[in-house]
């Protein structure tokens, strides 16, 4: 069976912009295609405050995404109401820890993190925020609080990163498809038209 790998990071702003089209793609994929999510991770754990220059750069990225993908919204209050850190691995582990309790929590937790970060101006680099979000989607928070920083979850995240390297992914978001002959190909993205992506997937599967 062919597999479509979705490589992402819950705190990747381009992944947030891609979300509506990605949801449309998922809904229209053939049943013969398995979807697997790879939590890559933009930035390792860090307690250091994000440099002002990087904060400005990311805000400019948000503005560019709003222009490139109409309808994408960001809450810029995040930058004044928090002490931003360049640390996204916790959010990646949070998705893994939530999905360990229930497979359906994988997408639900990703969405919860994105909404908290981009719309509600909360900081998903903080464990307490992630634990609160986990509870809101129905996770056992005591188990989640243990699992998010456990050796097992960190090892699982490393496995995701290794798989990302094996298929050749270098950015977020990205899509890679592997057919039944184990041939792998990157699927070029279109941030505004799911049909373009679906056509590219169909062409690869038919080749």
N, C-alpha and C. Protein backbone atom coordinates (compact mmCIF):
# COMPACT_ATOMS: atom_id res chain seq x y z
N UNK A 1 0.84 -1.20 0.00
CA UNK A 1 0.00 0.00 0.00
C UNK A 1 0.88 1.25 0.00
N UNK A 2 0.53 2.23 -0.80
CA UNK A 2 1.28 3.47 -0.87
C UNK A 2 1.06 4.30 0.39
N UNK A 3 2.07 5.12 0.71
CA UNK A 3 2.01 5.94 1.92
C UNK A 3 2.33 7.39 1.59
N UNK A 4 1.53 8.29 2.15
CA UNK A 4 1.78 9.72 2.03
C UNK A 4 2.28 10.23 3.38
N UNK A 5 3.50 10.75 3.40
CA UNK A 5 4.08 11.28 4.63
C UNK A 5 3.88 12.79 4.68
N UNK A 6 3.29 13.24 5.79
CA UNK A 6 3.08 14.67 6.03
C UNK A 6 4.09 15.09 7.09
N UNK A 7 5.08 15.86 6.69
CA UNK A 7 6.16 16.29 7.59
C UNK A 7 5.83 17.69 8.10
N UNK A 8 5.77 17.84 9.44
CA UNK A 8 5.32 19.13 9.96
C UNK A 8 5.84 19.38 11.37
N UNK A 9 5.52 20.55 11.86
CA UNK A 9 5.80 20.97 13.23
C UNK A 9 4.60 21.81 13.65
N UNK A 10 3.98 21.53 14.80
CA UNK A 10 2.79 22.29 15.21
C UNK A 10 3.05 23.79 15.35
N UNK A 11 4.31 24.17 15.58
CA UNK A 11 4.64 25.59 15.73
C UNK A 11 5.28 26.18 14.48
N UNK A 12 5.12 25.49 13.36
CA UNK A 12 5.59 26.01 12.06
C UNK A 12 4.47 26.86 11.47
N UNK A 13 4.76 28.14 11.23
CA UNK A 13 3.70 29.04 10.77
C UNK A 13 3.23 28.72 9.35
N UNK A 14 4.12 28.21 8.51
CA UNK A 14 3.70 27.79 7.17
C UNK A 14 2.79 26.56 7.24
N UNK A 15 3.02 25.70 8.23
CA UNK A 15 2.13 24.55 8.44
C UNK A 15 0.73 25.02 8.81
N UNK A 16 0.66 26.08 9.60
CA UNK A 16 -0.63 26.67 9.98
C UNK A 16 -1.33 27.22 8.74
N UNK A 17 -0.58 27.91 7.89
CA UNK A 17 -1.17 28.43 6.66
C UNK A 17 -1.63 27.33 5.72
N UNK A 18 -0.92 26.21 5.74
CA UNK A 18 -1.22 25.09 4.84
C UNK A 18 -2.41 24.26 5.33
N UNK A 19 -2.78 24.43 6.58
CA UNK A 19 -3.75 23.54 7.22
C UNK A 19 -5.08 23.41 6.45
N UNK A 20 -5.73 24.48 6.00
CA UNK A 20 -7.00 24.32 5.30
C UNK A 20 -6.88 23.46 4.04
N UNK A 21 -5.83 23.71 3.25
CA UNK A 21 -5.63 22.93 2.03
C UNK A 21 -5.28 21.49 2.38
N UNK A 22 -4.46 21.30 3.40
CA UNK A 22 -4.09 19.95 3.82
C UNK A 22 -5.32 19.16 4.25
N UNK A 23 -6.22 19.81 4.98
CA UNK A 23 -7.46 19.14 5.39
C UNK A 23 -8.28 18.72 4.17
N UNK A 24 -8.33 19.57 3.15
CA UNK A 24 -9.05 19.22 1.92
C UNK A 24 -8.39 18.06 1.20
N UNK A 25 -7.06 18.07 1.20
CA UNK A 25 -6.33 16.97 0.56
C UNK A 25 -6.65 15.66 1.25
N UNK A 26 -6.58 15.64 2.57
CA UNK A 26 -6.84 14.40 3.33
C UNK A 26 -8.23 13.85 3.06
N UNK A 27 -9.20 14.75 2.96
CA UNK A 27 -10.58 14.31 2.74
C UNK A 27 -10.79 13.67 1.37
N UNK A 28 -9.91 13.98 0.43
CA UNK A 28 -10.11 13.53 -0.95
C UNK A 28 -9.13 12.45 -1.39
N UNK A 29 -8.27 12.01 -0.51
CA UNK A 29 -7.29 10.99 -0.88
C UNK A 29 -7.96 9.65 -1.11
N UNK A 30 -7.43 8.84 -2.00
CA UNK A 30 -7.99 7.49 -2.22
C UNK A 30 -7.79 6.62 -0.98
N UNK A 31 -8.70 5.69 -0.77
CA UNK A 31 -8.62 4.81 0.39
C UNK A 31 -7.37 3.93 0.35
N UNK A 32 -6.80 3.77 -0.81
CA UNK A 32 -5.62 2.91 -0.95
C UNK A 32 -4.34 3.58 -0.47
N UNK A 33 -4.45 4.84 -0.08
CA UNK A 33 -3.27 5.60 0.34
C UNK A 33 -3.29 5.81 1.86
N UNK A 34 -2.23 5.38 2.53
CA UNK A 34 -2.10 5.56 3.97
C UNK A 34 -1.41 6.88 4.26
N UNK A 35 -1.93 7.63 5.24
CA UNK A 35 -1.31 8.90 5.63
C UNK A 35 -0.58 8.71 6.95
N UNK A 36 0.66 9.16 6.98
CA UNK A 36 1.45 9.12 8.21
C UNK A 36 2.04 10.50 8.46
N UNK A 37 1.95 10.95 9.70
CA UNK A 37 2.47 12.25 10.08
C UNK A 37 3.86 12.09 10.69
N UNK A 38 4.77 12.94 10.27
CA UNK A 38 6.11 12.95 10.83
C UNK A 38 6.32 14.27 11.56
N UNK A 39 6.60 14.18 12.86
CA UNK A 39 6.87 15.37 13.67
C UNK A 39 8.35 15.67 13.60
N UNK A 40 8.72 16.61 12.75
CA UNK A 40 10.14 16.90 12.56
C UNK A 40 10.73 17.71 13.70
N UNK A 41 10.24 18.92 13.86
CA UNK A 41 10.76 19.78 14.91
C UNK A 41 11.69 20.84 14.36
N UNK A 42 11.31 22.10 14.54
CA UNK A 42 12.11 23.22 14.06
C UNK A 42 13.26 23.57 15.00
N UNK A 43 13.00 23.49 16.31
CA UNK A 43 13.99 23.98 17.26
C UNK A 43 13.95 23.17 18.55
N UNK A 44 15.11 22.73 19.05
CA UNK A 44 15.17 21.92 20.27
C UNK A 44 14.79 22.70 21.51
N UNK A 45 14.65 21.97 22.62
CA UNK A 45 14.28 22.59 23.89
C UNK A 45 15.25 23.72 24.25
N UNK A 46 14.70 24.83 24.71
CA UNK A 46 15.53 25.96 25.10
C UNK A 46 14.79 26.82 26.10
N UNK A 47 15.51 27.28 27.12
CA UNK A 47 14.93 28.20 28.10
C UNK A 47 15.30 29.64 27.79
N UNK A 48 16.10 29.84 26.74
CA UNK A 48 16.57 31.18 26.40
C UNK A 48 15.48 31.99 25.70
N UNK A 49 15.39 33.26 26.06
CA UNK A 49 14.44 34.14 25.38
C UNK A 49 14.87 34.33 23.93
N UNK A 50 13.91 34.39 23.06
CA UNK A 50 14.20 34.57 21.64
C UNK A 50 14.76 35.96 21.38
N UNK A 51 15.87 36.07 20.65
CA UNK A 51 16.43 37.39 20.34
C UNK A 51 15.41 38.27 19.61
N UNK A 52 15.48 39.56 19.87
CA UNK A 52 14.53 40.50 19.27
C UNK A 52 14.56 40.43 17.75
N UNK A 53 15.74 40.25 17.18
CA UNK A 53 15.85 40.19 15.72
C UNK A 53 15.07 39.00 15.16
N UNK A 54 15.14 37.86 15.84
CA UNK A 54 14.40 36.69 15.39
C UNK A 54 12.89 36.90 15.56
N UNK A 55 12.49 37.55 16.64
CA UNK A 55 11.08 37.85 16.83
C UNK A 55 10.55 38.69 15.67
N UNK A 56 11.32 39.70 15.28
CA UNK A 56 10.90 40.57 14.18
C UNK A 56 10.83 39.78 12.87
N UNK A 57 11.80 38.90 12.68
CA UNK A 57 11.84 38.10 11.46
C UNK A 57 10.61 37.20 11.36
N UNK A 58 10.23 36.58 12.49
CA UNK A 58 9.07 35.69 12.48
C UNK A 58 7.77 36.46 12.27
N UNK A 59 7.69 37.65 12.82
CA UNK A 59 6.50 38.46 12.59
C UNK A 59 6.39 38.84 11.11
N UNK A 60 7.51 39.10 10.48
CA UNK A 60 7.49 39.38 9.04
C UNK A 60 7.07 38.14 8.25
N UNK A 61 7.49 36.97 8.74
CA UNK A 61 7.06 35.72 8.10
C UNK A 61 5.55 35.57 8.20
N UNK A 62 5.00 35.87 9.36
CA UNK A 62 3.54 35.80 9.53
C UNK A 62 2.84 36.71 8.51
N UNK A 63 3.36 37.92 8.36
CA UNK A 63 2.74 38.86 7.42
C UNK A 63 2.84 38.35 5.98
N UNK A 64 3.98 37.73 5.67
CA UNK A 64 4.15 37.19 4.31
C UNK A 64 3.18 36.04 4.07
N UNK A 65 2.94 35.22 5.08
CA UNK A 65 1.99 34.11 4.95
C UNK A 65 0.58 34.65 4.75
N UNK A 66 0.22 35.69 5.50
CA UNK A 66 -1.11 36.28 5.34
C UNK A 66 -1.33 36.78 3.92
N UNK A 67 -0.26 37.29 3.30
CA UNK A 67 -0.36 37.79 1.93
C UNK A 67 -0.38 36.65 0.91
N UNK A 68 0.38 35.59 1.21
CA UNK A 68 0.51 34.47 0.28
C UNK A 68 -0.69 33.54 0.33
N UNK A 69 -1.24 33.37 1.53
CA UNK A 69 -2.36 32.44 1.73
C UNK A 69 -3.54 33.23 2.30
N UNK A 70 -4.37 33.82 1.45
CA UNK A 70 -5.50 34.64 1.92
C UNK A 70 -6.38 33.87 2.91
N UNK A 71 -6.77 34.55 3.98
CA UNK A 71 -7.62 33.93 4.98
C UNK A 71 -6.86 33.44 6.20
N UNK A 72 -5.54 33.34 6.10
CA UNK A 72 -4.74 32.91 7.24
C UNK A 72 -4.68 34.04 8.26
N UNK A 73 -4.90 33.71 9.53
CA UNK A 73 -4.90 34.74 10.58
C UNK A 73 -3.84 34.42 11.63
N UNK A 74 -3.25 35.46 12.17
CA UNK A 74 -2.32 35.37 13.29
C UNK A 74 -2.68 36.41 14.33
N UNK A 75 -2.46 36.08 15.59
CA UNK A 75 -2.69 37.02 16.68
C UNK A 75 -1.33 37.56 17.13
N UNK A 76 -1.04 38.76 16.71
CA UNK A 76 0.28 39.34 16.99
C UNK A 76 0.46 39.72 18.46
N UNK A 77 -0.60 39.61 19.25
CA UNK A 77 -0.46 39.85 20.69
C UNK A 77 0.47 38.83 21.33
N UNK A 78 0.68 37.71 20.65
CA UNK A 78 1.59 36.70 21.18
C UNK A 78 2.94 37.31 21.53
N UNK A 79 3.41 38.24 20.72
CA UNK A 79 4.77 38.76 20.87
C UNK A 79 4.89 39.73 22.03
N UNK A 80 3.80 40.28 22.50
CA UNK A 80 3.85 41.20 23.63
C UNK A 80 3.35 40.56 24.92
N UNK A 81 2.56 39.49 24.81
CA UNK A 81 1.98 38.88 26.01
C UNK A 81 2.79 37.68 26.51
N UNK A 82 3.84 37.31 25.79
CA UNK A 82 4.65 36.15 26.16
C UNK A 82 6.13 36.50 26.13
N UNK A 83 6.93 35.58 26.64
CA UNK A 83 8.38 35.65 26.49
C UNK A 83 8.76 34.53 25.53
N UNK A 84 8.74 34.83 24.22
CA UNK A 84 8.95 33.79 23.22
C UNK A 84 10.30 33.09 23.36
N UNK A 85 10.29 31.79 23.09
CA UNK A 85 11.51 31.01 23.07
C UNK A 85 11.55 30.24 21.75
N UNK A 86 12.75 30.04 21.23
CA UNK A 86 12.89 29.25 20.01
C UNK A 86 12.95 27.80 20.44
N UNK A 87 11.79 27.21 20.69
CA UNK A 87 11.71 25.86 21.25
C UNK A 87 10.41 25.21 20.81
N UNK A 88 10.50 24.32 19.80
CA UNK A 88 9.29 23.69 19.28
C UNK A 88 9.25 22.18 19.54
N UNK A 89 10.34 21.60 19.99
CA UNK A 89 10.32 20.16 20.28
C UNK A 89 9.25 19.79 21.31
N UNK A 90 9.03 20.62 22.36
CA UNK A 90 7.97 20.26 23.32
C UNK A 90 6.61 20.09 22.65
N UNK A 91 6.29 20.97 21.69
CA UNK A 91 5.00 20.86 21.00
C UNK A 91 4.93 19.58 20.18
N UNK A 92 6.06 19.21 19.56
CA UNK A 92 6.10 17.96 18.80
C UNK A 92 5.88 16.76 19.72
N UNK A 93 6.57 16.77 20.86
CA UNK A 93 6.40 15.67 21.82
C UNK A 93 4.98 15.64 22.38
N UNK A 94 4.37 16.81 22.50
CA UNK A 94 2.99 16.87 23.01
C UNK A 94 2.04 16.11 22.10
N UNK A 95 2.23 16.25 20.79
CA UNK A 95 1.39 15.52 19.83
C UNK A 95 1.62 14.02 19.97
N UNK A 96 2.88 13.62 20.13
CA UNK A 96 3.20 12.21 20.28
C UNK A 96 2.63 11.66 21.59
N UNK A 97 2.74 12.44 22.66
CA UNK A 97 2.24 11.99 23.96
C UNK A 97 0.72 11.88 23.95
N UNK A 98 0.05 12.80 23.27
CA UNK A 98 -1.41 12.75 23.19
C UNK A 98 -1.86 11.56 22.35
N UNK A 99 -1.20 11.35 21.21
CA UNK A 99 -1.61 10.25 20.33
C UNK A 99 -1.31 8.89 20.94
N UNK A 100 -0.40 8.84 21.92
CA UNK A 100 -0.14 7.59 22.62
C UNK A 100 -1.35 7.16 23.44
N UNK A 101 -2.15 8.14 23.86
CA UNK A 101 -3.37 7.82 24.62
C UNK A 101 -4.51 7.43 23.69
N UNK A 102 -4.57 8.09 22.53
CA UNK A 102 -5.64 7.79 21.57
C UNK A 102 -5.19 8.30 20.21
N UNK A 103 -5.26 7.46 19.20
CA UNK A 103 -4.74 7.82 17.88
C UNK A 103 -5.39 9.10 17.34
N UNK A 104 -6.67 9.29 17.63
CA UNK A 104 -7.38 10.46 17.12
C UNK A 104 -6.86 11.76 17.71
N UNK A 105 -6.18 11.66 18.83
CA UNK A 105 -5.65 12.86 19.47
C UNK A 105 -4.49 13.47 18.68
N UNK A 106 -3.93 12.73 17.72
CA UNK A 106 -2.81 13.26 16.96
C UNK A 106 -3.21 14.54 16.23
N UNK A 107 -4.26 14.48 15.45
CA UNK A 107 -4.73 15.67 14.74
C UNK A 107 -5.33 16.69 15.70
N UNK A 108 -6.07 16.20 16.70
CA UNK A 108 -6.75 17.10 17.64
C UNK A 108 -5.75 17.93 18.43
N UNK A 109 -4.67 17.30 18.87
CA UNK A 109 -3.67 18.02 19.65
C UNK A 109 -2.90 19.00 18.77
N UNK A 110 -2.61 18.60 17.57
CA UNK A 110 -1.93 19.52 16.64
C UNK A 110 -2.77 20.78 16.44
N UNK A 111 -4.07 20.59 16.20
CA UNK A 111 -4.97 21.72 16.00
C UNK A 111 -5.06 22.59 17.25
N UNK A 112 -5.12 21.95 18.41
CA UNK A 112 -5.21 22.69 19.67
C UNK A 112 -3.97 23.56 19.89
N UNK A 113 -2.80 23.02 19.56
CA UNK A 113 -1.56 23.79 19.70
C UNK A 113 -1.56 24.97 18.74
N UNK A 114 -1.95 24.73 17.50
CA UNK A 114 -1.96 25.79 16.51
C UNK A 114 -2.92 26.91 16.89
N UNK A 115 -4.11 26.55 17.35
CA UNK A 115 -5.09 27.57 17.74
C UNK A 115 -4.58 28.36 18.95
N UNK A 116 -3.98 27.65 19.91
CA UNK A 116 -3.46 28.33 21.10
C UNK A 116 -2.38 29.33 20.73
N UNK A 117 -1.50 28.92 19.83
CA UNK A 117 -0.36 29.74 19.44
C UNK A 117 -0.77 30.89 18.53
N UNK A 118 -1.43 30.57 17.45
CA UNK A 118 -1.65 31.56 16.40
C UNK A 118 -2.90 32.42 16.61
N UNK A 119 -3.88 31.90 17.33
CA UNK A 119 -5.12 32.65 17.52
C UNK A 119 -5.30 33.17 18.94
N UNK A 120 -4.86 32.39 19.94
CA UNK A 120 -5.09 32.76 21.34
C UNK A 120 -3.88 33.35 22.03
N UNK A 121 -2.77 33.49 21.31
CA UNK A 121 -1.55 34.12 21.83
C UNK A 121 -0.99 33.43 23.08
N UNK A 122 -1.12 32.10 23.11
CA UNK A 122 -0.51 31.31 24.18
C UNK A 122 0.79 30.71 23.67
N UNK A 123 1.66 30.34 24.61
CA UNK A 123 2.99 29.87 24.23
C UNK A 123 3.11 28.35 24.36
N UNK A 124 3.06 27.62 23.25
CA UNK A 124 3.16 26.15 23.31
C UNK A 124 4.58 25.65 23.57
N UNK A 125 5.53 26.55 23.79
CA UNK A 125 6.85 26.12 24.23
C UNK A 125 6.83 25.78 25.72
N UNK A 126 5.75 26.18 26.40
CA UNK A 126 5.63 25.96 27.85
C UNK A 126 4.84 24.69 28.14
N UNK A 127 5.39 23.84 28.98
CA UNK A 127 4.72 22.59 29.32
C UNK A 127 3.35 22.81 29.93
N UNK A 128 3.21 23.84 30.76
CA UNK A 128 1.91 24.04 31.42
C UNK A 128 0.82 24.36 30.41
N UNK A 129 1.17 25.07 29.34
CA UNK A 129 0.20 25.34 28.27
C UNK A 129 -0.18 24.05 27.56
N UNK A 130 0.82 23.23 27.27
CA UNK A 130 0.57 21.97 26.57
C UNK A 130 -0.26 21.02 27.42
N UNK A 131 -0.01 20.99 28.71
CA UNK A 131 -0.79 20.12 29.61
C UNK A 131 -2.24 20.59 29.66
N UNK A 132 -2.43 21.91 29.70
CA UNK A 132 -3.79 22.46 29.70
C UNK A 132 -4.52 22.08 28.41
N UNK A 133 -3.84 22.19 27.28
CA UNK A 133 -4.45 21.84 25.99
C UNK A 133 -4.78 20.36 25.94
N UNK A 134 -3.89 19.53 26.47
CA UNK A 134 -4.13 18.08 26.47
C UNK A 134 -5.39 17.75 27.26
N UNK A 135 -5.54 18.40 28.40
CA UNK A 135 -6.75 18.18 29.20
C UNK A 135 -8.00 18.62 28.47
N UNK A 136 -7.89 19.71 27.73
CA UNK A 136 -9.06 20.25 27.02
C UNK A 136 -9.54 19.33 25.91
N UNK A 137 -8.62 18.53 25.33
CA UNK A 137 -9.06 17.62 24.26
C UNK A 137 -9.43 16.24 24.79
N UNK A 138 -9.28 16.05 26.11
CA UNK A 138 -9.71 14.78 26.71
C UNK A 138 -8.62 13.84 27.16
N UNK A 139 -7.37 14.30 27.12
CA UNK A 139 -6.27 13.44 27.59
C UNK A 139 -6.30 13.30 29.11
N UNK A 140 -5.76 12.20 29.58
CA UNK A 140 -5.44 12.06 30.99
C UNK A 140 -4.23 12.94 31.26
N UNK A 141 -4.43 14.06 31.97
CA UNK A 141 -3.36 15.05 32.09
C UNK A 141 -2.20 14.55 32.95
N UNK A 142 -2.48 13.70 33.91
CA UNK A 142 -1.39 13.17 34.73
C UNK A 142 -0.47 12.29 33.88
N UNK A 143 -1.07 11.45 33.06
CA UNK A 143 -0.28 10.60 32.18
C UNK A 143 0.46 11.45 31.14
N UNK A 144 -0.24 12.42 30.60
CA UNK A 144 0.35 13.30 29.58
C UNK A 144 1.55 14.06 30.15
N UNK A 145 1.39 14.62 31.35
CA UNK A 145 2.48 15.39 31.97
C UNK A 145 3.73 14.55 32.16
N UNK A 146 3.53 13.26 32.41
CA UNK A 146 4.68 12.35 32.52
C UNK A 146 5.26 12.04 31.15
N UNK A 147 4.39 11.77 30.20
CA UNK A 147 4.84 11.27 28.90
C UNK A 147 5.52 12.34 28.05
N UNK A 148 5.15 13.60 28.21
CA UNK A 148 5.65 14.62 27.29
C UNK A 148 7.17 14.76 27.36
N UNK A 149 7.74 14.50 28.52
CA UNK A 149 9.20 14.61 28.66
C UNK A 149 9.86 13.28 28.99
N UNK A 150 9.15 12.18 28.77
CA UNK A 150 9.71 10.87 29.09
C UNK A 150 10.77 10.48 28.06
N UNK A 151 11.65 9.59 28.45
CA UNK A 151 12.68 9.09 27.54
C UNK A 151 12.04 8.41 26.33
N UNK A 152 10.93 7.72 26.58
CA UNK A 152 10.25 7.00 25.49
C UNK A 152 9.73 7.96 24.43
N UNK A 153 9.13 9.08 24.87
CA UNK A 153 8.60 10.05 23.91
C UNK A 153 9.72 10.76 23.17
N UNK A 154 10.80 11.06 23.88
CA UNK A 154 11.95 11.69 23.22
C UNK A 154 12.56 10.77 22.17
N UNK A 155 12.61 9.47 22.49
CA UNK A 155 13.14 8.51 21.54
C UNK A 155 12.22 8.39 20.33
N UNK A 156 10.91 8.40 20.55
CA UNK A 156 9.96 8.34 19.44
C UNK A 156 10.12 9.56 18.54
N UNK A 157 10.33 10.72 19.16
CA UNK A 157 10.55 11.93 18.36
C UNK A 157 11.82 11.81 17.53
N UNK A 158 12.86 11.24 18.10
CA UNK A 158 14.09 11.03 17.33
C UNK A 158 13.85 10.10 16.15
N UNK A 159 13.01 9.10 16.35
CA UNK A 159 12.67 8.19 15.25
C UNK A 159 11.95 8.94 14.13
N UNK A 160 11.07 9.85 14.51
CA UNK A 160 10.38 10.67 13.51
C UNK A 160 11.39 11.52 12.73
N UNK A 161 12.34 12.09 13.46
CA UNK A 161 13.35 12.92 12.79
C UNK A 161 14.24 12.09 11.87
N UNK A 162 14.56 10.88 12.30
CA UNK A 162 15.36 9.99 11.45
C UNK A 162 14.61 9.63 10.18
N UNK A 163 13.30 9.37 10.32
CA UNK A 163 12.48 9.04 9.14
C UNK A 163 12.41 10.23 8.19
N UNK A 164 12.32 11.42 8.77
CA UNK A 164 12.30 12.62 7.96
C UNK A 164 13.57 12.72 7.11
N UNK A 165 14.70 12.40 7.71
CA UNK A 165 15.97 12.44 6.98
C UNK A 165 16.03 11.34 5.92
N UNK A 166 15.49 10.18 6.25
CA UNK A 166 15.54 9.05 5.31
C UNK A 166 14.78 9.35 4.03
N UNK A 167 13.64 10.02 4.14
CA UNK A 167 12.85 10.30 2.94
C UNK A 167 13.33 11.57 2.23
N UNK A 168 14.23 12.31 2.88
CA UNK A 168 14.81 13.49 2.23
C UNK A 168 14.10 14.80 2.50
N UNK A 169 13.26 14.84 3.52
CA UNK A 169 12.54 16.08 3.83
C UNK A 169 13.48 17.09 4.47
N UNK A 170 13.38 18.33 4.03
CA UNK A 170 14.26 19.38 4.54
C UNK A 170 13.52 20.61 5.04
N UNK A 171 12.22 20.60 4.97
CA UNK A 171 11.46 21.76 5.41
C UNK A 171 10.06 21.39 5.85
N UNK A 172 9.38 22.36 6.44
CA UNK A 172 8.02 22.17 6.94
C UNK A 172 7.10 23.22 6.32
N UNK A 173 5.89 22.84 5.92
CA UNK A 173 5.45 21.45 5.78
C UNK A 173 5.99 20.86 4.49
N UNK A 174 5.99 19.56 4.39
CA UNK A 174 6.32 18.91 3.14
C UNK A 174 5.58 17.59 3.05
N UNK A 175 5.36 17.16 1.82
CA UNK A 175 4.67 15.90 1.56
C UNK A 175 5.57 15.01 0.72
N UNK A 176 5.66 13.75 1.12
CA UNK A 176 6.41 12.76 0.36
C UNK A 176 5.53 11.53 0.19
N UNK A 177 5.58 10.95 -0.99
CA UNK A 177 4.77 9.77 -1.26
C UNK A 177 5.67 8.60 -1.62
N UNK A 178 5.36 7.46 -1.05
CA UNK A 178 6.11 6.23 -1.34
C UNK A 178 5.12 5.22 -1.89
N UNK A 179 5.40 4.71 -3.10
CA UNK A 179 4.47 3.76 -3.71
C UNK A 179 4.78 2.32 -3.29
N UNK A 180 4.03 1.39 -3.84
CA UNK A 180 4.17 -0.01 -3.45
C UNK A 180 5.50 -0.61 -3.87
N UNK A 181 6.17 0.04 -4.82
CA UNK A 181 7.50 -0.40 -5.25
C UNK A 181 8.60 0.27 -4.44
N UNK A 182 8.17 0.99 -3.39
CA UNK A 182 9.09 1.67 -2.48
C UNK A 182 9.82 2.84 -3.14
N UNK A 183 9.25 3.35 -4.20
CA UNK A 183 9.79 4.56 -4.83
C UNK A 183 9.24 5.78 -4.09
N UNK A 184 10.13 6.72 -3.76
CA UNK A 184 9.74 7.90 -2.98
C UNK A 184 9.86 9.16 -3.82
N UNK A 185 8.87 10.03 -3.69
CA UNK A 185 8.89 11.29 -4.43
C UNK A 185 8.28 12.39 -3.58
N UNK A 186 8.87 13.58 -3.64
CA UNK A 186 8.28 14.72 -2.96
C UNK A 186 7.11 15.26 -3.77
N UNK A 187 6.06 15.63 -3.07
CA UNK A 187 4.89 16.21 -3.71
C UNK A 187 4.96 17.73 -3.56
N UNK A 188 5.18 18.47 -4.64
CA UNK A 188 5.23 19.93 -4.55
C UNK A 188 3.92 20.48 -3.99
N UNK A 189 4.04 21.48 -3.12
CA UNK A 189 2.85 22.01 -2.45
C UNK A 189 2.23 23.17 -3.22
N UNK A 190 0.94 23.30 -3.06
CA UNK A 190 0.22 24.50 -3.47
C UNK A 190 -0.58 24.92 -2.24
N UNK A 191 -0.28 26.08 -1.70
CA UNK A 191 -0.88 26.51 -0.44
C UNK A 191 -2.32 27.00 -0.59
N UNK A 192 -2.79 27.10 -1.83
CA UNK A 192 -4.13 27.65 -2.04
C UNK A 192 -5.06 26.76 -2.85
N UNK A 193 -4.57 25.60 -3.31
CA UNK A 193 -5.40 24.77 -4.17
C UNK A 193 -5.11 23.29 -3.91
N UNK A 194 -6.03 22.63 -3.20
CA UNK A 194 -5.85 21.21 -2.88
C UNK A 194 -5.85 20.36 -4.14
N UNK A 195 -6.59 20.77 -5.15
CA UNK A 195 -6.70 19.96 -6.36
C UNK A 195 -5.36 19.80 -7.08
N UNK A 196 -4.54 20.82 -7.01
CA UNK A 196 -3.21 20.75 -7.62
C UNK A 196 -2.40 19.64 -6.97
N UNK A 197 -2.45 19.58 -5.64
CA UNK A 197 -1.72 18.54 -4.91
C UNK A 197 -2.30 17.16 -5.19
N UNK A 198 -3.61 17.06 -5.21
CA UNK A 198 -4.26 15.78 -5.48
C UNK A 198 -3.92 15.27 -6.88
N UNK A 199 -3.85 16.18 -7.84
CA UNK A 199 -3.50 15.78 -9.21
C UNK A 199 -2.07 15.24 -9.25
N UNK A 200 -1.17 15.89 -8.50
CA UNK A 200 0.22 15.44 -8.48
C UNK A 200 0.35 14.07 -7.83
N UNK A 201 -0.43 13.83 -6.78
CA UNK A 201 -0.42 12.52 -6.13
C UNK A 201 -0.97 11.46 -7.07
N UNK A 202 -2.07 11.77 -7.75
CA UNK A 202 -2.68 10.83 -8.68
C UNK A 202 -1.72 10.48 -9.83
N UNK A 203 -1.02 11.48 -10.33
CA UNK A 203 -0.06 11.25 -11.42
C UNK A 203 1.05 10.33 -10.98
N UNK A 204 1.55 10.54 -9.76
CA UNK A 204 2.64 9.68 -9.26
C UNK A 204 2.16 8.25 -9.08
N UNK A 205 0.97 8.09 -8.51
CA UNK A 205 0.45 6.74 -8.27
C UNK A 205 0.18 6.00 -9.58
N UNK A 206 -0.12 6.74 -10.63
CA UNK A 206 -0.43 6.12 -11.91
C UNK A 206 0.82 5.81 -12.73
N UNK A 207 1.93 6.35 -12.31
CA UNK A 207 3.17 6.18 -13.09
C UNK A 207 3.82 4.81 -12.87
